[in-house]
């Protein structure tokens, strides 16, 4: 069904007190809002994915740093005992 047909159906069945142009405007505004919501959802998902991946990277880096530090402490302890 074309958007013009949808507007005509809205005008005849659901909104008899509104003019056809008002129905058309309402329909196209709702279409824009739905597209905007889809874009906002995509942006939010991308931000969430980016945030979680950077958190994972930070945790991995902290763990790697901890392991490196522990290894260097063990090497220093061995050098002191020899």
C-alpha atoms as a PDB file:
ATOM      1  CA  UNK A   1       0.000   0.000   0.000  1.00  0.00           C
ATOM      2  CA  UNK A   2       1.355   3.402  -0.947  1.00  0.00           C
ATOM      3  CA  UNK A   3       1.661   6.180   1.597  1.00  0.00           C
ATOM      4  CA  UNK A   4      -1.014   8.181  -0.260  1.00  0.00           C
ATOM      5  CA  UNK A   5      -3.410   5.266   0.132  1.00  0.00           C
ATOM      6  CA  UNK A   6      -2.627   5.012   3.839  1.00  0.00           C
ATOM      7  CA  UNK A   7      -3.322   8.716   4.289  1.00  0.00           C
ATOM      8  CA  UNK A   8      -6.638   8.364   2.463  1.00  0.00           C
ATOM      9  CA  UNK A   9      -7.653   5.442   4.675  1.00  0.00           C
ATOM     10  CA  UNK A  10      -6.644   7.378   7.792  1.00  0.00           C
ATOM     11  CA  UNK A  11      -8.655  10.350   6.613  1.00  0.00           C
ATOM     12  CA  UNK A  12     -11.800   8.382   5.819  1.00  0.00           C
ATOM     13  CA  UNK A  13     -11.857   5.900   8.688  1.00  0.00           C
ATOM     14  CA  UNK A  14      -9.989   7.231  11.678  1.00  0.00           C
ATOM     15  CA  UNK A  15      -9.820  10.998  11.518  1.00  0.00           C
ATOM     16  CA  UNK A  16     -13.032  12.398  10.049  1.00  0.00           C
ATOM     17  CA  UNK A  17     -12.654  15.656  12.011  1.00  0.00           C
ATOM     18  CA  UNK A  18      -9.178  16.376  10.567  1.00  0.00           C
ATOM     19  CA  UNK A  19      -8.398  17.620   7.120  1.00  0.00           C
ATOM     20  CA  UNK A  20      -6.649  15.293   4.710  1.00  0.00           C
ATOM     21  CA  UNK A  21      -3.518  17.450   4.743  1.00  0.00           C
ATOM     22  CA  UNK A  22      -3.376  17.223   8.553  1.00  0.00           C
ATOM     23  CA  UNK A  23      -3.587  13.437   8.298  1.00  0.00           C
ATOM     24  CA  UNK A  24      -0.860  13.414   5.685  1.00  0.00           C
ATOM     25  CA  UNK A  25       1.342  15.583   7.900  1.00  0.00           C
ATOM     26  CA  UNK A  26       0.696  13.364  10.912  1.00  0.00           C
ATOM     27  CA  UNK A  27       1.558  10.233   8.916  1.00  0.00           C
ATOM     28  CA  UNK A  28       4.799  11.639   7.508  1.00  0.00           C
ATOM     29  CA  UNK A  29       5.828  13.004  10.913  1.00  0.00           C
ATOM     30  CA  UNK A  30       5.332   9.556  12.435  1.00  0.00           C
ATOM     31  CA  UNK A  31       7.397   8.055   9.608  1.00  0.00           C
ATOM     32  CA  UNK A  32      10.218  10.506  10.364  1.00  0.00           C
ATOM     33  CA  UNK A  33       9.980   9.736  14.081  1.00  0.00           C
ATOM     34  CA  UNK A  34      10.249   5.998  13.422  1.00  0.00           C
ATOM     35  CA  UNK A  35      13.311   6.524  11.233  1.00  0.00           C
ATOM     36  CA  UNK A  36      14.843   8.767  13.900  1.00  0.00           C
ATOM     37  CA  UNK A  37      14.207   6.152  16.586  1.00  0.00           C
ATOM     38  CA  UNK A  38      15.889   3.502  14.448  1.00  0.00           C
ATOM     39  CA  UNK A  39      18.953   5.709  13.981  1.00  0.00           C
ATOM     40  CA  UNK A  40      19.058   6.518  17.711  1.00  0.00           C
ATOM     41  CA  UNK A  41      18.881   2.797  18.542  1.00  0.00           C
ATOM     42  CA  UNK A  42      21.739   2.062  16.131  1.00  0.00           C
ATOM     43  CA  UNK A  43      23.859   4.834  17.654  1.00  0.00           C
ATOM     44  CA  UNK A  44      23.115   3.651  21.197  1.00  0.00           C
ATOM     45  CA  UNK A  45      24.023   0.074  20.269  1.00  0.00           C
ATOM     46  CA  UNK A  46      27.282   1.205  18.651  1.00  0.00           C
ATOM     47  CA  UNK A  47      28.162   3.270  21.738  1.00  0.00           C
ATOM     48  CA  UNK A  48      27.367   0.351  24.021  1.00  0.00           C
ATOM     49  CA  UNK A  49      29.447  -2.034  21.918  1.00  0.00           C
ATOM     50  CA  UNK A  50      32.316   0.455  21.887  1.00  0.00           C
ATOM     51  CA  UNK A  51      32.107   0.997  25.645  1.00  0.00           C
ATOM     52  CA  UNK A  52      32.021  -2.709  26.453  1.00  0.00           C
ATOM     53  CA  UNK A  53      34.890  -3.507  24.119  1.00  0.00           C
ATOM     54  CA  UNK A  54      37.012  -0.761  25.656  1.00  0.00           C
ATOM     55  CA  UNK A  55      36.148  -2.045  29.153  1.00  0.00           C
ATOM     56  CA  UNK A  56      37.249  -5.510  28.068  1.00  0.00           C
ATOM     57  CA  UNK A  57      40.453  -4.093  26.624  1.00  0.00           C
ATOM     58  CA  UNK A  58      41.147  -2.164  29.826  1.00  0.00           C
ATOM     59  CA  UNK A  59      40.589  -5.282  31.935  1.00  0.00           C
ATOM     60  CA  UNK A  60      42.898  -7.289  29.692  1.00  0.00           C
ATOM     61  CA  UNK A  61      45.550  -4.562  29.904  1.00  0.00           C
ATOM     62  CA  UNK A  62      45.260  -4.439  33.705  1.00  0.00           C
ATOM     63  CA  UNK A  63      45.597  -8.209  33.873  1.00  0.00           C
ATOM     64  CA  UNK A  64      48.589  -8.183  31.509  1.00  0.00           C
ATOM     65  CA  UNK A  65      50.233  -5.423  33.559  1.00  0.00           C
ATOM     66  CA  UNK A  66      49.617  -7.378  36.760  1.00  0.00           C
ATOM     67  CA  UNK A  67      51.158 -10.542  35.283  1.00  0.00           C
ATOM     68  CA  UNK A  68      54.172  -8.612  33.967  1.00  0.00           C
ATOM     69  CA  UNK A  69      54.685  -6.926  37.337  1.00  0.00           C
ATOM     70  CA  UNK A  70      54.467 -10.238  39.176  1.00  0.00           C
ATOM     71  CA  UNK A  71      56.958 -11.842  36.784  1.00  0.00           C
ATOM     72  CA  UNK A  72      59.402  -8.962  37.207  1.00  0.00           C
ATOM     73  CA  UNK A  73      59.094  -9.204  41.017  1.00  0.00           C
ATOM     74  CA  UNK A  74      59.813 -12.951  40.869  1.00  0.00           C
ATOM     75  CA  UNK A  75      62.852 -12.356  38.646  1.00  0.00           C
ATOM     76  CA  UNK A  76      64.155  -9.680  41.047  1.00  0.00           C
ATOM     77  CA  UNK A  77      63.629 -12.009  44.033  1.00  0.00           C
ATOM     78  CA  UNK A  78      65.563 -14.792  42.272  1.00  0.00           C
ATOM     79  CA  UNK A  79      68.405 -12.390  41.482  1.00  0.00           C
ATOM     80  CA  UNK A  80      68.599 -11.302  45.119  1.00  0.00           C
ATOM     81  CA  UNK A  81      68.772 -14.884  46.436  1.00  0.00           C
ATOM     82  CA  UNK A  82      71.577 -15.924  44.101  1.00  0.00           C
END
